[in-house]
């Protein structure tokens, strides 16, 4: 399944990749190895709200996931909430 998602992304088919990620989450709920790349795809589609939500969900599972921390902090910074962004960078 991992190769399928990578191929779909290389073929510029992010929606197909998202569907594959959703099916993977049905089988393996709360799996960090699925949530993080799914959030990246949403970020690439400029759906920053969904991306930030997935990264926050990921932080519930793995509180020290560096990529998720940085992305959530960046989201808060650009949403004019620098005080919240600082919480994540400490």
N, C-alpha and C. Protein backbone atom coordinates (compact mmCIF):
# COMPACT_ATOMS: atom_id res chain seq x y z
N UNK A 1 0.81 -1.18 0.00
CA UNK A 1 0.00 0.00 0.00
C UNK A 1 0.86 1.26 0.00
N UNK A 2 2.02 1.22 0.65
CA UNK A 2 2.91 2.38 0.69
C UNK A 2 3.40 2.77 -0.69
N UNK A 3 3.69 1.77 -1.51
CA UNK A 3 4.16 2.06 -2.86
C UNK A 3 3.04 2.66 -3.70
N UNK A 4 1.81 2.24 -3.46
CA UNK A 4 0.67 2.79 -4.20
C UNK A 4 0.53 4.27 -3.92
N UNK A 5 0.62 4.65 -2.65
CA UNK A 5 0.48 6.07 -2.29
C UNK A 5 1.59 6.90 -2.91
N UNK A 6 2.81 6.39 -2.84
CA UNK A 6 3.94 7.14 -3.42
C UNK A 6 3.77 7.30 -4.92
N UNK A 7 3.32 6.25 -5.59
CA UNK A 7 3.11 6.33 -7.03
C UNK A 7 2.02 7.34 -7.36
N UNK A 8 0.94 7.33 -6.59
CA UNK A 8 -0.14 8.27 -6.84
C UNK A 8 0.34 9.71 -6.66
N UNK A 9 1.17 9.94 -5.68
CA UNK A 9 1.69 11.29 -5.48
C UNK A 9 2.64 11.68 -6.60
N UNK A 10 3.46 10.74 -7.06
CA UNK A 10 4.37 11.03 -8.15
C UNK A 10 3.60 11.31 -9.44
N UNK A 11 2.46 10.67 -9.61
CA UNK A 11 1.64 10.88 -10.80
C UNK A 11 0.72 12.09 -10.64
N UNK A 12 0.95 12.86 -9.60
CA UNK A 12 0.16 14.06 -9.31
C UNK A 12 -1.32 13.71 -9.15
N UNK A 13 -1.58 12.73 -8.31
CA UNK A 13 -2.94 12.31 -7.99
C UNK A 13 -3.14 12.34 -6.47
N UNK A 14 -3.09 13.54 -5.89
CA UNK A 14 -3.17 13.61 -4.43
C UNK A 14 -4.50 13.13 -3.86
N UNK A 15 -5.60 13.32 -4.60
CA UNK A 15 -6.89 12.87 -4.08
C UNK A 15 -6.96 11.35 -4.02
N UNK A 16 -6.36 10.68 -5.00
CA UNK A 16 -6.31 9.22 -4.97
C UNK A 16 -5.42 8.76 -3.82
N UNK A 17 -4.34 9.47 -3.58
CA UNK A 17 -3.46 9.13 -2.45
C UNK A 17 -4.20 9.31 -1.13
N UNK A 18 -4.99 10.39 -1.01
CA UNK A 18 -5.75 10.61 0.21
C UNK A 18 -6.74 9.48 0.46
N UNK A 19 -7.37 9.00 -0.60
CA UNK A 19 -8.31 7.89 -0.46
C UNK A 19 -7.59 6.63 0.02
N UNK A 20 -6.40 6.41 -0.49
CA UNK A 20 -5.60 5.26 -0.05
C UNK A 20 -5.23 5.41 1.43
N UNK A 21 -4.86 6.63 1.83
CA UNK A 21 -4.55 6.89 3.24
C UNK A 21 -5.79 6.63 4.11
N UNK A 22 -6.97 7.07 3.64
CA UNK A 22 -8.19 6.86 4.42
C UNK A 22 -8.46 5.37 4.63
N UNK A 23 -8.27 4.59 3.58
CA UNK A 23 -8.47 3.14 3.70
C UNK A 23 -7.46 2.55 4.70
N UNK A 24 -6.24 3.05 4.66
CA UNK A 24 -5.22 2.57 5.60
C UNK A 24 -5.61 2.93 7.04
N UNK A 25 -6.16 4.14 7.23
CA UNK A 25 -6.59 4.54 8.58
C UNK A 25 -7.76 3.70 9.08
N UNK A 26 -8.59 3.22 8.15
CA UNK A 26 -9.69 2.33 8.56
C UNK A 26 -9.13 1.04 9.15
N UNK A 27 -8.05 0.55 8.56
CA UNK A 27 -7.44 -0.70 9.04
C UNK A 27 -6.53 -0.47 10.24
N UNK A 28 -5.84 0.67 10.25
CA UNK A 28 -4.88 0.98 11.31
C UNK A 28 -5.17 2.37 11.87
N UNK A 29 -6.22 2.50 12.69
CA UNK A 29 -6.56 3.83 13.22
C UNK A 29 -5.43 4.40 14.08
N UNK A 30 -5.29 5.70 14.00
CA UNK A 30 -4.30 6.43 14.80
C UNK A 30 -2.86 6.01 14.52
N UNK A 31 -2.59 5.56 13.32
CA UNK A 31 -1.23 5.15 12.94
C UNK A 31 -0.46 6.38 12.46
N UNK A 32 0.59 6.73 13.17
CA UNK A 32 1.38 7.92 12.85
C UNK A 32 1.99 7.85 11.46
N UNK A 33 2.34 6.65 11.02
CA UNK A 33 2.95 6.49 9.70
C UNK A 33 1.97 6.76 8.57
N UNK A 34 0.69 6.85 8.88
CA UNK A 34 -0.33 7.17 7.88
C UNK A 34 -0.78 8.62 8.04
N UNK A 35 -0.92 9.07 9.28
CA UNK A 35 -1.44 10.42 9.53
C UNK A 35 -0.48 11.50 9.03
N UNK A 36 0.81 11.36 9.28
CA UNK A 36 1.78 12.40 8.89
C UNK A 36 1.81 12.62 7.38
N UNK A 37 1.95 11.59 6.56
CA UNK A 37 1.97 11.86 5.12
C UNK A 37 0.62 12.36 4.60
N UNK A 38 -0.47 11.94 5.24
CA UNK A 38 -1.79 12.43 4.84
C UNK A 38 -1.88 13.94 5.11
N UNK A 39 -1.36 14.37 6.24
CA UNK A 39 -1.33 15.80 6.56
C UNK A 39 -0.48 16.56 5.56
N UNK A 40 0.64 15.94 5.13
CA UNK A 40 1.50 16.59 4.13
C UNK A 40 0.76 16.79 2.81
N UNK A 41 -0.04 15.81 2.42
CA UNK A 41 -0.80 15.93 1.16
C UNK A 41 -1.80 17.08 1.27
N UNK A 42 -2.51 17.16 2.39
CA UNK A 42 -3.45 18.27 2.58
C UNK A 42 -2.71 19.61 2.55
N UNK A 43 -1.54 19.63 3.13
CA UNK A 43 -0.73 20.86 3.12
C UNK A 43 -0.37 21.23 1.68
N UNK A 44 -0.02 20.23 0.89
CA UNK A 44 0.30 20.46 -0.51
C UNK A 44 -0.89 20.93 -1.32
N UNK A 45 -2.09 20.55 -0.88
CA UNK A 45 -3.32 20.99 -1.54
C UNK A 45 -3.80 22.34 -1.00
N UNK A 46 -3.03 22.92 -0.09
CA UNK A 46 -3.33 24.21 0.55
C UNK A 46 -4.59 24.15 1.40
N UNK A 47 -4.90 22.98 1.93
CA UNK A 47 -6.00 22.82 2.88
C UNK A 47 -5.36 22.79 4.27
N UNK A 48 -4.98 23.98 4.72
CA UNK A 48 -4.18 24.08 5.94
C UNK A 48 -4.97 23.75 7.19
N UNK A 49 -6.29 23.96 7.16
CA UNK A 49 -7.11 23.62 8.33
C UNK A 49 -7.10 22.11 8.58
N UNK A 50 -7.33 21.33 7.52
CA UNK A 50 -7.31 19.87 7.67
C UNK A 50 -5.91 19.37 8.02
N UNK A 51 -4.93 19.98 7.40
CA UNK A 51 -3.55 19.59 7.67
C UNK A 51 -3.22 19.81 9.15
N UNK A 52 -3.55 20.99 9.65
CA UNK A 52 -3.27 21.30 11.06
C UNK A 52 -4.03 20.36 11.99
N UNK A 53 -5.28 20.04 11.64
CA UNK A 53 -6.06 19.12 12.48
C UNK A 53 -5.40 17.74 12.53
N UNK A 54 -4.94 17.26 11.38
CA UNK A 54 -4.28 15.95 11.37
C UNK A 54 -2.98 15.98 12.18
N UNK A 55 -2.23 17.08 12.04
CA UNK A 55 -1.00 17.18 12.82
C UNK A 55 -1.31 17.23 14.32
N UNK A 56 -2.39 17.92 14.70
CA UNK A 56 -2.78 17.96 16.12
C UNK A 56 -3.19 16.57 16.59
N UNK A 57 -3.93 15.85 15.75
CA UNK A 57 -4.30 14.47 16.09
C UNK A 57 -3.05 13.61 16.26
N UNK A 58 -2.08 13.85 15.40
CA UNK A 58 -0.83 13.10 15.48
C UNK A 58 -0.10 13.40 16.79
N UNK A 59 -0.15 14.65 17.23
CA UNK A 59 0.51 15.01 18.50
C UNK A 59 -0.16 14.35 19.70
N UNK A 60 -1.44 14.02 19.58
CA UNK A 60 -2.10 13.28 20.65
C UNK A 60 -1.49 11.88 20.76
N UNK A 61 -1.16 11.29 19.61
CA UNK A 61 -0.58 9.96 19.58
C UNK A 61 0.91 9.97 19.92
N UNK A 62 1.61 10.98 19.40
CA UNK A 62 3.07 11.05 19.55
C UNK A 62 3.43 12.50 19.87
N UNK A 63 3.52 12.82 21.13
CA UNK A 63 3.70 14.21 21.58
C UNK A 63 5.04 14.82 21.19
N UNK A 64 5.99 14.03 20.72
CA UNK A 64 7.30 14.57 20.35
C UNK A 64 7.57 14.45 18.85
N UNK A 65 6.54 14.29 18.05
CA UNK A 65 6.70 14.18 16.60
C UNK A 65 7.12 15.57 16.08
N UNK A 66 8.37 15.70 15.68
CA UNK A 66 8.97 16.99 15.35
C UNK A 66 8.24 17.68 14.20
N UNK A 67 7.94 16.96 13.15
CA UNK A 67 7.26 17.56 12.00
C UNK A 67 5.89 18.11 12.41
N UNK A 68 5.15 17.36 13.21
CA UNK A 68 3.82 17.80 13.64
C UNK A 68 3.92 19.05 14.52
N UNK A 69 4.88 19.06 15.42
CA UNK A 69 5.07 20.23 16.29
C UNK A 69 5.37 21.47 15.45
N UNK A 70 6.29 21.34 14.52
CA UNK A 70 6.68 22.48 13.68
C UNK A 70 5.52 22.96 12.82
N UNK A 71 4.76 22.05 12.26
CA UNK A 71 3.66 22.45 11.38
C UNK A 71 2.52 23.11 12.14
N UNK A 72 2.20 22.59 13.32
CA UNK A 72 1.15 23.21 14.13
C UNK A 72 1.60 24.59 14.59
N UNK A 73 2.84 24.71 14.99
CA UNK A 73 3.37 26.02 15.42
C UNK A 73 3.34 27.01 14.26
N UNK A 74 3.74 26.57 13.09
CA UNK A 74 3.72 27.44 11.91
C UNK A 74 2.30 27.86 11.58
N UNK A 75 1.37 26.93 11.68
CA UNK A 75 -0.04 27.24 11.42
C UNK A 75 -0.52 28.35 12.36
N UNK A 76 -0.21 28.23 13.65
CA UNK A 76 -0.63 29.25 14.61
C UNK A 76 0.06 30.58 14.33
N UNK A 77 1.32 30.54 13.96
CA UNK A 77 2.06 31.77 13.68
C UNK A 77 1.41 32.54 12.53
N UNK A 78 1.11 31.84 11.44
CA UNK A 78 0.52 32.52 10.28
C UNK A 78 -0.97 32.81 10.45
N UNK A 79 -1.58 32.27 11.49
CA UNK A 79 -2.97 32.59 11.80
C UNK A 79 -3.03 33.74 12.82
N UNK A 80 -1.94 34.49 12.92
CA UNK A 80 -1.82 35.63 13.84
C UNK A 80 -2.05 35.21 15.29
N UNK A 81 -1.48 34.07 15.65
CA UNK A 81 -1.53 33.59 17.02
C UNK A 81 -0.11 33.24 17.48
N UNK A 82 0.79 34.22 17.48
CA UNK A 82 2.19 33.92 17.79
C UNK A 82 2.40 33.38 19.21
N UNK A 83 1.52 33.78 20.15
CA UNK A 83 1.67 33.28 21.52
C UNK A 83 1.42 31.77 21.58
N UNK A 84 0.50 31.27 20.76
CA UNK A 84 0.28 29.82 20.70
C UNK A 84 1.43 29.13 19.99
N UNK A 85 1.96 29.78 18.97
CA UNK A 85 3.10 29.20 18.24
C UNK A 85 4.29 29.02 19.17
N UNK A 86 4.51 29.99 20.05
CA UNK A 86 5.65 29.90 20.97
C UNK A 86 5.54 28.71 21.91
N UNK A 87 4.33 28.32 22.26
CA UNK A 87 4.14 27.15 23.12
C UNK A 87 4.74 25.89 22.49
N UNK A 88 4.59 25.79 21.18
CA UNK A 88 5.08 24.60 20.49
C UNK A 88 6.59 24.63 20.29
N UNK A 89 7.16 25.82 20.22
CA UNK A 89 8.59 25.92 19.97
C UNK A 89 9.42 25.84 21.25
N UNK A 90 8.80 25.80 22.40
CA UNK A 90 9.56 25.72 23.66
C UNK A 90 9.93 24.31 23.98
